[in-house]
């Protein structure tokens, strides 16, 4: 191999290394994609924590309405809120 063949080989290998290096950073499974996936994972874990808390609150509310553990005060409260009902001599304050 002469000088021209050696130079062409060096340029070809250099180009291949640059291409593979760029792909390793910016490609579909590259470093930047990995960083984005980690950020998305943190967001989803936070969302799971939020939804788990909401689920626990809903299960507690549902538990208060089960026949074996019926909370009559809570049932009365929910009926008044849902039906917007009350006794004629009552004053109702709606609080958030």
N, C-alpha and C. Protein backbone atom coordinates (compact mmCIF):
# COMPACT_ATOMS: atom_id res chain seq x y z
N UNK A 1 0.83 -1.16 0.00
CA UNK A 1 0.00 0.00 0.00
C UNK A 1 0.89 1.24 0.00
N UNK A 2 0.56 2.17 -0.83
CA UNK A 2 1.34 3.39 -0.93
C UNK A 2 0.83 4.47 0.00
N UNK A 3 1.37 5.68 -0.19
CA UNK A 3 0.96 6.80 0.64
C UNK A 3 -0.52 7.13 0.45
N UNK A 4 -1.01 6.99 -0.77
CA UNK A 4 -2.41 7.34 -1.07
C UNK A 4 -3.37 6.35 -0.42
N UNK A 5 -3.02 5.09 -0.45
CA UNK A 5 -3.87 4.06 0.17
C UNK A 5 -3.88 4.20 1.67
N UNK A 6 -2.77 4.53 2.27
CA UNK A 6 -2.65 4.71 3.72
C UNK A 6 -3.44 5.93 4.17
N UNK A 7 -3.39 7.01 3.38
CA UNK A 7 -4.13 8.23 3.72
C UNK A 7 -5.63 7.98 3.60
N UNK A 8 -6.04 7.26 2.55
CA UNK A 8 -7.46 6.96 2.37
C UNK A 8 -7.97 6.09 3.51
N UNK A 9 -7.17 5.13 3.92
CA UNK A 9 -7.56 4.27 5.04
C UNK A 9 -7.68 5.08 6.33
N UNK A 10 -6.76 5.97 6.56
CA UNK A 10 -6.81 6.82 7.75
C UNK A 10 -8.04 7.71 7.75
N UNK A 11 -8.33 8.30 6.59
CA UNK A 11 -9.52 9.16 6.47
C UNK A 11 -10.79 8.34 6.67
N UNK A 12 -10.84 7.16 6.07
CA UNK A 12 -12.01 6.28 6.22
C UNK A 12 -12.22 5.86 7.66
N UNK A 13 -11.14 5.45 8.33
CA UNK A 13 -11.27 5.06 9.74
C UNK A 13 -11.65 6.26 10.62
N UNK A 14 -11.08 7.41 10.32
CA UNK A 14 -11.42 8.62 11.08
C UNK A 14 -12.90 8.97 10.92
N UNK A 15 -13.39 8.87 9.68
CA UNK A 15 -14.80 9.15 9.42
C UNK A 15 -15.70 8.15 10.15
N UNK A 16 -15.30 6.88 10.13
CA UNK A 16 -16.10 5.85 10.82
C UNK A 16 -16.12 6.10 12.32
N UNK A 17 -14.98 6.49 12.88
CA UNK A 17 -14.91 6.77 14.32
C UNK A 17 -15.78 7.98 14.67
N UNK A 18 -15.71 9.03 13.84
CA UNK A 18 -16.56 10.21 14.07
C UNK A 18 -18.04 9.86 13.99
N UNK A 19 -18.41 9.08 12.99
CA UNK A 19 -19.81 8.67 12.82
C UNK A 19 -20.29 7.87 14.03
N UNK A 20 -19.51 6.89 14.42
CA UNK A 20 -19.91 6.04 15.56
C UNK A 20 -19.94 6.84 16.86
N UNK A 21 -18.99 7.76 17.03
CA UNK A 21 -18.98 8.60 18.22
C UNK A 21 -20.20 9.51 18.28
N UNK A 22 -20.52 10.13 17.14
CA UNK A 22 -21.71 11.00 17.09
C UNK A 22 -22.98 10.20 17.34
N UNK A 23 -23.05 9.01 16.77
CA UNK A 23 -24.23 8.16 16.96
C UNK A 23 -24.34 7.70 18.42
N UNK A 24 -23.20 7.46 19.06
CA UNK A 24 -23.22 7.04 20.46
C UNK A 24 -23.76 8.14 21.37
N UNK A 25 -23.58 9.38 20.96
CA UNK A 25 -24.06 10.51 21.78
C UNK A 25 -25.49 10.89 21.41
N UNK A 26 -25.78 11.01 20.11
CA UNK A 26 -27.07 11.55 19.68
C UNK A 26 -28.03 10.53 19.09
N UNK A 27 -27.64 9.30 18.99
CA UNK A 27 -28.48 8.28 18.34
C UNK A 27 -29.69 7.89 19.18
N UNK A 28 -30.49 7.01 18.60
CA UNK A 28 -31.73 6.53 19.23
C UNK A 28 -31.47 5.93 20.61
N UNK A 29 -30.38 5.24 20.77
CA UNK A 29 -30.02 4.64 22.06
C UNK A 29 -28.74 5.28 22.61
N UNK A 30 -28.51 6.52 22.25
CA UNK A 30 -27.30 7.22 22.66
C UNK A 30 -27.41 7.85 24.04
N UNK A 31 -26.38 8.58 24.37
CA UNK A 31 -26.27 9.20 25.68
C UNK A 31 -27.39 10.21 25.94
N UNK A 32 -27.71 11.04 24.96
CA UNK A 32 -28.77 12.03 25.14
C UNK A 32 -30.14 11.36 25.33
N UNK A 33 -30.39 10.30 24.59
CA UNK A 33 -31.63 9.56 24.75
C UNK A 33 -31.71 8.94 26.14
N UNK A 34 -30.60 8.47 26.64
CA UNK A 34 -30.54 7.88 27.98
C UNK A 34 -30.86 8.93 29.04
N UNK A 35 -30.31 10.12 28.90
CA UNK A 35 -30.59 11.20 29.85
C UNK A 35 -32.07 11.57 29.80
N UNK A 36 -32.65 11.65 28.61
CA UNK A 36 -34.08 11.95 28.47
C UNK A 36 -34.93 10.86 29.12
N UNK A 37 -34.55 9.61 28.94
CA UNK A 37 -35.30 8.51 29.55
C UNK A 37 -35.22 8.55 31.07
N UNK A 38 -34.07 8.94 31.60
CA UNK A 38 -33.95 9.05 33.06
C UNK A 38 -34.87 10.15 33.59
N UNK A 39 -34.94 11.28 32.89
CA UNK A 39 -35.82 12.37 33.30
C UNK A 39 -37.29 11.93 33.23
N UNK A 40 -37.63 11.22 32.18
CA UNK A 40 -39.01 10.71 32.05
C UNK A 40 -39.33 9.71 33.16
N UNK A 41 -38.35 8.88 33.51
CA UNK A 41 -38.54 7.92 34.58
C UNK A 41 -38.83 8.63 35.90
N UNK A 42 -38.07 9.69 36.20
CA UNK A 42 -38.30 10.44 37.43
C UNK A 42 -39.69 11.07 37.44
N UNK A 43 -40.12 11.59 36.30
CA UNK A 43 -41.46 12.17 36.19
C UNK A 43 -42.53 11.11 36.42
N UNK A 44 -42.37 9.95 35.82
CA UNK A 44 -43.36 8.88 35.97
C UNK A 44 -43.39 8.33 37.39
N UNK A 45 -42.25 8.23 38.04
CA UNK A 45 -42.22 7.77 39.43
C UNK A 45 -42.94 8.76 40.32
N UNK A 46 -42.74 10.05 40.06
CA UNK A 46 -43.45 11.08 40.82
C UNK A 46 -44.96 10.97 40.60
N UNK A 47 -45.36 10.74 39.36
CA UNK A 47 -46.78 10.59 39.03
C UNK A 47 -47.37 9.35 39.72
N UNK A 48 -46.60 8.26 39.75
CA UNK A 48 -47.06 7.04 40.43
C UNK A 48 -47.27 7.33 41.92
N UNK A 49 -46.35 8.06 42.53
CA UNK A 49 -46.49 8.40 43.95
C UNK A 49 -47.76 9.22 44.19
N UNK A 50 -48.00 10.20 43.31
CA UNK A 50 -49.20 11.03 43.43
C UNK A 50 -50.47 10.18 43.28
N UNK A 51 -50.49 9.33 42.27
CA UNK A 51 -51.67 8.49 42.04
C UNK A 51 -51.87 7.47 43.15
N UNK A 52 -50.78 6.98 43.73
CA UNK A 52 -50.91 6.04 44.85
C UNK A 52 -51.56 6.72 46.05
N UNK A 53 -51.19 7.97 46.29
CA UNK A 53 -51.82 8.73 47.37
C UNK A 53 -53.30 8.96 47.11
N UNK A 54 -53.63 9.31 45.87
CA UNK A 54 -55.04 9.51 45.52
C UNK A 54 -55.81 8.20 45.65
N UNK A 55 -55.20 7.09 45.23
CA UNK A 55 -55.86 5.79 45.34
C UNK A 55 -56.12 5.44 46.81
N UNK A 56 -55.15 5.69 47.67
CA UNK A 56 -55.33 5.40 49.09
C UNK A 56 -56.47 6.23 49.67
N UNK A 57 -56.56 7.49 49.28
CA UNK A 57 -57.64 8.36 49.77
C UNK A 57 -58.99 7.85 49.28
N UNK A 58 -59.07 7.45 48.01
CA UNK A 58 -60.33 6.93 47.47
C UNK A 58 -60.72 5.61 48.13
N UNK A 59 -59.73 4.76 48.38
CA UNK A 59 -60.04 3.49 49.05
C UNK A 59 -60.54 3.74 50.47
N UNK A 60 -59.98 4.74 51.14
CA UNK A 60 -60.45 5.07 52.49
C UNK A 60 -61.88 5.58 52.45
N UNK A 61 -62.17 6.43 51.46
CA UNK A 61 -63.55 6.93 51.32
C UNK A 61 -64.51 5.79 51.01
N UNK A 62 -64.12 4.89 50.11
CA UNK A 62 -64.98 3.77 49.76
C UNK A 62 -65.17 2.84 50.95
N UNK A 63 -64.11 2.67 51.74
CA UNK A 63 -64.21 1.82 52.93
C UNK A 63 -65.22 2.33 53.92
N UNK A 64 -65.38 3.65 53.99
CA UNK A 64 -66.35 4.24 54.92
C UNK A 64 -67.79 4.03 54.45
N UNK A 65 -67.98 3.60 53.21
CA UNK A 65 -69.32 3.39 52.68
C UNK A 65 -69.68 1.92 52.51
N UNK A 66 -68.77 1.02 52.87
CA UNK A 66 -69.07 -0.42 52.76
C UNK A 66 -70.07 -0.81 53.85
N UNK A 67 -70.97 -1.75 53.53
CA UNK A 67 -72.00 -2.14 54.50
C UNK A 67 -71.42 -2.63 55.83
N UNK A 68 -70.30 -3.34 55.80
CA UNK A 68 -69.75 -3.89 57.05
C UNK A 68 -69.08 -2.82 57.92
N UNK A 69 -68.78 -1.65 57.34
CA UNK A 69 -68.14 -0.59 58.13
C UNK A 69 -68.71 0.77 57.77
N UNK A 70 -70.02 0.85 57.63
CA UNK A 70 -70.68 2.07 57.18
C UNK A 70 -70.57 3.18 58.21
N UNK A 71 -70.06 4.30 57.79
CA UNK A 71 -69.95 5.50 58.63
C UNK A 71 -71.16 6.38 58.30
N UNK A 72 -72.15 6.39 59.19
CA UNK A 72 -73.40 7.10 58.92
C UNK A 72 -73.20 8.60 58.80
N UNK A 73 -72.30 9.17 59.56
CA UNK A 73 -72.03 10.61 59.45
C UNK A 73 -71.45 10.94 58.07
N UNK A 74 -70.53 10.11 57.62
CA UNK A 74 -69.94 10.33 56.30
C UNK A 74 -70.99 10.14 55.21
N UNK A 75 -71.85 9.13 55.35
CA UNK A 75 -72.91 8.89 54.39
C UNK A 75 -73.84 10.10 54.32
N UNK A 76 -74.20 10.65 55.48
CA UNK A 76 -75.05 11.82 55.55
C UNK A 76 -74.38 13.02 54.86
N UNK A 77 -73.10 13.19 55.15
CA UNK A 77 -72.34 14.29 54.54
C UNK A 77 -72.31 14.16 53.02
N UNK A 78 -72.02 12.98 52.52
CA UNK A 78 -71.96 12.77 51.06
C UNK A 78 -73.33 12.98 50.42
N UNK A 79 -74.39 12.50 51.07
CA UNK A 79 -75.75 12.67 50.52
C UNK A 79 -76.11 14.15 50.45
N UNK A 80 -75.77 14.90 51.49
CA UNK A 80 -76.07 16.34 51.49
C UNK A 80 -75.30 17.06 50.40
N UNK A 81 -74.04 16.71 50.21
CA UNK A 81 -73.23 17.36 49.19
C UNK A 81 -73.73 16.98 47.79
N UNK A 82 -73.96 15.69 47.58
CA UNK A 82 -74.36 15.22 46.26
C UNK A 82 -75.74 15.73 45.88
N UNK A 83 -76.67 15.70 46.81
CA UNK A 83 -78.04 16.09 46.52
C UNK A 83 -78.31 17.56 46.82
N UNK A 84 -77.33 18.25 47.38
CA UNK A 84 -77.49 19.65 47.79
C UNK A 84 -78.72 19.77 48.69
N UNK A 85 -78.83 18.84 49.64
CA UNK A 85 -80.00 18.78 50.50
C UNK A 85 -79.63 19.13 51.94
N UNK A 86 -80.60 19.59 52.67
CA UNK A 86 -80.42 19.87 54.08
C UNK A 86 -81.79 20.09 54.71
N UNK A 87 -81.82 20.16 56.01
CA UNK A 87 -83.08 20.46 56.69
C UNK A 87 -83.42 21.93 56.50
N UNK A 88 -84.71 22.27 56.54
CA UNK A 88 -85.12 23.67 56.30
C UNK A 88 -84.51 24.65 57.32
N UNK A 89 -84.25 24.20 58.53
CA UNK A 89 -83.74 25.11 59.55
C UNK A 89 -82.21 25.14 59.62
N UNK A 90 -81.54 24.51 58.67
CA UNK A 90 -80.08 24.47 58.65
C UNK A 90 -79.49 25.59 57.79
N UNK A 91 -78.34 26.04 58.19
CA UNK A 91 -77.55 26.95 57.36
C UNK A 91 -76.34 26.15 56.89
N UNK A 92 -76.16 26.10 55.58
CA UNK A 92 -75.10 25.26 55.01
C UNK A 92 -73.98 26.17 54.48
N UNK A 93 -72.75 25.84 54.89
CA UNK A 93 -71.56 26.54 54.41
C UNK A 93 -70.75 25.54 53.58
N UNK A 94 -70.49 25.92 52.35
CA UNK A 94 -69.67 25.04 51.48
C UNK A 94 -68.23 25.50 51.56
N UNK A 95 -67.38 24.60 52.04
CA UNK A 95 -65.95 24.89 52.16
C UNK A 95 -65.17 24.01 51.21
N UNK A 96 -64.10 24.55 50.66
CA UNK A 96 -63.24 23.76 49.78
C UNK A 96 -62.35 22.87 50.61
